[in-house]
Each structure stands twice: as structure tokens, then as C-alpha cells.
Amino acid sequence: MKLNKKLDRRKKYTRMVLKDSLMELLKEKPISNVTVKEICERADINRSTFYTHYSDQYDLVEQIESELIHDMEKYLNSVNFDTDEEAKEMTERLLDYLASRADDCKTLLSYEGDSTFQRKVTSVAYRFILNEGMTAKNIDPSISEYISSFIVNGSIQMMKLWLYNNMDRSPKEMSQLINDFINKGLYGLNLK
């Protein structure tokens, strides 16, 4: 039994070091320019150990993205869109989550990097808002797809900018701003 715990800890540690090494490299260059050799050198782990856990660098980044997406889905599933207050709370909780993983999210949402992670985030948010939010608000189905696209893409770009501005506003302030844009539009805001 002790041997299994030791192996599990070692396995977790190895995966953590490999993930951290890849994330450091992704701050310097896109995934297409990262090699398994570089990841292993930075992690101080041999290549055979890497291949025990992942098939290549793309598999590793996929695992990192999947963990983040899974966590985001848990956040989104925990709040309803039935009221504006619940939608604001969901947005604030999502921003809290992004703040807690700011370094990883900034790296994966990089303006210069691969946009795979952003497409995944957009897909999850779009699916959730289209299925939950538009139904709850009784939006005409013929235009709900357009409205959802506008809301999701605008919100993600605002969150991305917020991360790149080093979270210069609190999650509560950003949540209020995003939800005011969604519910009131530009002309309904007090911009002073």
C-alpha cells in the first residue's frame, strides 16, 4: 500500500513538473515551436518518462486545457441564469476562478499563441448560454444564436483584456461591468 502511494505521489509530481515546464515555454513561444526535448530539459526529466505520461507536447497541452475547461464547466453548472443577479454571481465566480489561475489562463489565451483554448472556452460558454440563458430569458429562438455569440465573444474578450491588464479591477467590478454591457448595452451605462 505504501509503495502505491509513493508511486502516485511521484506520478503526480512528474506530471506537475512537466505541465509547469510546458507553461513556462508557452510564455516564450507557441506550442508549434515547443519540443518534447525542451520540456524534458526544463523539467529535468528524461524523455522516456515524458512518454510514459503523454504522447507528445500537444497531448500535454490538451490535458492542461481539459483540466481548466472541466473546472470552468463546474463553475458554470453551479449557477443558473434565471435572474440577472445569478448571472452576475456566475460571472463573478468565473472571474474569481480565472484570477486563481491567471498565469495559466493568460498563457493559454495569449494573443500571439494558439487559439485552441479560447475556442474551447467559447464553445463551453456559448453552449451554456444558448441552452440555459436564452431559454430562461424567453429570447426568440431565431435570434438567440446571434445574441449568444455577441455576449460570449464580448465577455471572453473583456475577461482576456482584464487578465492582460493584470486584473486592474476586482472580479466583482468586472462582473458588474460585463453584466451591465449585456443587460443595458453601451448607452445604458454610466460611463463617467
Protein backbone atom coordinates (compact mmCIF):
# COMPACT_ATOMS: atom_id res chain seq x y z
CA MET A 1 0.00 0.00 0.00
CA LYS A 2 2.80 2.46 0.86
CA LEU A 3 4.50 1.71 -2.45
CA ASN A 4 1.34 2.66 -4.40
CA LYS A 5 1.03 5.97 -2.51
CA LYS A 6 4.67 6.73 -3.21
CA LEU A 7 4.18 5.93 -6.91
CA ASP A 8 1.04 8.07 -7.04
CA ARG A 9 2.87 11.00 -5.46
CA ARG A 10 5.77 10.56 -7.83
CA LYS A 11 3.42 10.33 -10.81
CA LYS A 12 1.56 13.49 -9.72
CA TYR A 13 4.85 15.31 -9.15
CA THR A 14 6.18 14.29 -12.57
CA ARG A 15 3.01 15.46 -14.31
CA MET A 16 3.03 18.73 -12.38
CA VAL A 17 6.67 19.44 -13.31
CA LEU A 18 6.02 18.63 -16.96
CA LYS A 19 2.94 20.87 -17.03
CA ASP A 20 4.79 23.72 -15.33
CA SER A 21 7.70 23.37 -17.76
CA LEU A 22 5.41 23.48 -20.77
CA MET A 23 3.55 26.52 -19.43
CA GLU A 24 6.88 28.34 -18.98
CA LEU A 25 7.84 27.52 -22.55
CA LEU A 26 4.46 28.68 -23.85
CA LYS A 27 5.17 32.11 -22.41
CA GLU A 28 8.14 32.28 -24.77
CA LYS A 29 6.77 30.71 -27.94
CA PRO A 30 3.76 28.95 -29.48
CA ILE A 31 3.17 25.21 -28.95
CA SER A 32 4.16 24.51 -32.56
CA ASN A 33 7.71 25.63 -31.70
CA VAL A 34 7.99 23.70 -28.42
CA THR A 35 9.67 20.29 -28.45
CA VAL A 36 9.40 17.38 -26.04
CA LYS A 37 13.17 17.64 -25.59
CA GLU A 38 12.84 21.24 -24.35
CA ILE A 39 10.05 20.32 -21.94
CA CYS A 40 12.10 17.45 -20.53
CA GLU A 41 15.24 19.56 -20.18
CA ARG A 42 13.34 22.26 -18.33
CA ALA A 43 11.60 19.70 -16.11
CA ASP A 44 14.83 17.76 -15.58
CA ILE A 45 13.03 14.57 -16.56
CA ASN A 46 14.08 12.10 -19.24
CA ARG A 47 12.09 11.67 -22.42
CA SER A 48 11.04 8.09 -21.70
CA THR A 49 9.35 9.34 -18.51
CA PHE A 50 7.58 12.03 -20.54
CA TYR A 51 6.28 9.42 -23.00
CA THR A 52 5.01 7.30 -20.12
CA HIS A 53 2.55 10.11 -19.37
CA TYR A 54 1.93 11.91 -22.69
CA SER A 55 2.22 11.09 -26.38
CA ASP A 56 3.69 14.49 -27.32
CA GLN A 57 3.64 18.18 -26.39
CA TYR A 58 0.18 18.60 -27.92
CA ASP A 59 -1.20 15.84 -25.70
CA LEU A 60 0.26 17.62 -22.66
CA VAL A 61 -1.24 20.99 -23.56
CA GLU A 62 -4.55 19.25 -24.29
CA GLN A 63 -4.51 17.79 -20.76
CA ILE A 64 -3.84 21.22 -19.24
CA GLU A 65 -6.65 22.78 -21.27
CA SER A 66 -9.04 19.95 -20.42
CA GLU A 67 -8.46 20.43 -16.70
CA LEU A 68 -9.19 24.15 -16.96
CA ILE A 69 -12.27 23.60 -19.13
CA HIS A 70 -13.57 20.95 -16.71
CA ASP A 71 -13.18 23.37 -13.81
CA MET A 72 -14.92 26.15 -15.75
CA GLU A 73 -17.83 23.86 -16.58
CA LYS A 74 -18.23 23.06 -12.89
CA TYR A 75 -18.41 26.78 -12.16
CA LEU A 76 -20.93 27.39 -14.93
CA ASN A 77 -23.11 24.45 -13.91
CA SER A 78 -23.35 25.68 -10.32
CA VAL A 79 -25.30 28.87 -11.11
CA ASN A 80 -28.49 29.49 -13.08
CA PHE A 81 -29.26 32.32 -15.47
CA ASP A 82 -32.80 32.72 -14.19
CA THR A 83 -32.15 36.15 -12.72
CA ASP A 84 -29.71 38.93 -13.55
CA GLU A 85 -28.30 38.64 -10.02
CA GLU A 86 -27.49 34.93 -10.55
CA ALA A 87 -25.88 35.71 -13.90
CA LYS A 88 -23.75 38.38 -12.21
CA GLU A 89 -22.78 35.93 -9.47
CA MET A 90 -21.82 33.31 -12.08
CA THR A 91 -19.68 35.86 -13.92
CA GLU A 92 -18.00 36.95 -10.68
CA ARG A 93 -17.28 33.34 -9.70
CA LEU A 94 -15.85 32.66 -13.15
CA LEU A 95 -13.64 35.75 -12.84
CA ASP A 96 -12.55 34.56 -9.38
CA TYR A 97 -11.57 31.26 -10.96
CA LEU A 98 -9.67 32.97 -13.78
CA ALA A 99 -7.86 35.11 -11.20
CA SER A 100 -6.88 32.00 -9.25
CA ARG A 101 -5.39 30.50 -12.43
CA ALA A 102 -4.41 33.83 -14.03
CA ASP A 103 -0.94 32.79 -15.12
CA ASP A 104 -2.16 29.65 -16.91
CA CYS A 105 -5.18 31.39 -18.45
CA LYS A 106 -3.08 34.34 -19.68
CA THR A 107 -0.62 31.95 -21.26
CA LEU A 108 -3.27 29.80 -22.94
CA LEU A 109 -5.30 32.83 -24.08
CA SER A 110 -2.18 34.57 -25.39
CA TYR A 111 -2.70 36.98 -28.27
CA GLU A 112 0.33 35.53 -30.06
CA GLY A 113 -0.32 31.91 -29.22
CA ASP A 114 -2.58 29.16 -30.44
CA SER A 115 -6.28 29.99 -30.11
CA THR A 116 -7.39 26.41 -29.37
CA PHE A 117 -8.03 27.12 -25.70
CA GLN A 118 -10.03 30.24 -26.50
CA ARG A 119 -12.19 28.27 -28.95
CA LYS A 120 -12.82 25.67 -26.24
CA VAL A 121 -13.77 28.31 -23.69
CA THR A 122 -16.02 30.00 -26.25
CA SER A 123 -17.69 26.70 -27.11
CA VAL A 124 -18.43 25.88 -23.47
CA ALA A 125 -19.74 29.35 -22.69
CA TYR A 126 -21.75 29.52 -25.91
CA ARG A 127 -23.34 26.14 -25.29
CA PHE A 128 -24.17 27.05 -21.71
CA ILE A 129 -25.63 30.48 -22.51
CA LEU A 130 -27.59 29.22 -25.52
CA ASN A 131 -29.03 26.28 -23.59
CA GLU A 132 -29.59 27.97 -20.23
CA GLY A 133 -29.55 31.73 -20.57
CA MET A 134 -31.61 32.27 -23.70
CA THR A 135 -34.26 29.77 -22.61
CA ALA A 136 -34.55 31.36 -19.18
CA LYS A 137 -34.95 34.85 -20.68
CA ASN A 138 -37.51 33.74 -23.31
CA ILE A 139 -35.43 35.07 -26.21
CA ASP A 140 -36.77 34.50 -29.71
CA PRO A 141 -35.01 31.32 -30.92
CA SER A 142 -34.44 32.80 -34.39
CA ILE A 143 -32.07 35.42 -32.95
CA SER A 144 -30.80 33.69 -29.81
CA GLU A 145 -27.73 32.32 -31.61
CA TYR A 146 -26.68 35.84 -32.66
CA ILE A 147 -27.24 37.26 -29.20
CA SER A 148 -25.36 34.38 -27.57
CA SER A 149 -22.42 34.84 -29.93
CA PHE A 150 -22.26 38.56 -29.15
CA ILE A 151 -22.49 38.00 -25.38
CA VAL A 152 -19.99 35.13 -25.23
CA ASN A 153 -17.34 36.59 -27.52
CA GLY A 154 -17.60 40.06 -26.00
CA SER A 155 -17.43 38.70 -22.46
CA ILE A 156 -14.43 36.49 -23.24
CA GLN A 157 -12.58 39.39 -24.84
CA MET A 158 -13.30 41.55 -21.78
CA MET A 159 -12.04 38.79 -19.45
CA LYS A 160 -8.96 38.32 -21.61
CA LEU A 161 -8.22 42.05 -21.55
CA TRP A 162 -8.78 42.07 -17.78
CA LEU A 163 -6.19 39.30 -17.36
CA TYR A 164 -3.71 41.17 -19.57
CA ASN A 165 -4.33 44.36 -17.58
CA ASN A 166 -3.18 42.41 -14.51
CA MET A 167 -6.73 42.24 -13.15
CA ASP A 168 -6.84 46.01 -12.57
CA ARG A 169 -10.42 45.74 -11.30
CA SER A 170 -11.85 43.32 -8.79
CA PRO A 171 -13.83 40.32 -10.06
CA LYS A 172 -16.95 41.97 -8.58
CA GLU A 173 -16.33 45.20 -10.53
CA MET A 174 -15.65 43.32 -13.77
CA SER A 175 -18.72 41.15 -13.26
CA GLN A 176 -20.84 44.28 -12.82
CA LEU A 177 -19.32 45.85 -15.94
CA ILE A 178 -19.82 42.75 -18.10
CA ASN A 179 -23.38 42.25 -16.91
CA ASP A 180 -24.21 45.94 -17.39
CA PHE A 181 -22.97 45.70 -21.00
CA ILE A 182 -25.07 42.59 -21.54
CA ASN A 183 -28.23 43.89 -19.89
CA LYS A 184 -28.09 47.64 -20.61
CA GLY A 185 -25.89 47.98 -23.66
CA LEU A 186 -23.41 50.79 -24.20
CA TYR A 187 -25.97 53.59 -23.92
CA GLY A 188 -27.41 52.26 -20.67
CA LEU A 189 -24.08 52.53 -18.87
CA ASN A 190 -22.92 55.33 -16.65
CA LEU A 191 -19.52 55.83 -18.30
CA LYS A 192 -18.25 58.66 -16.10
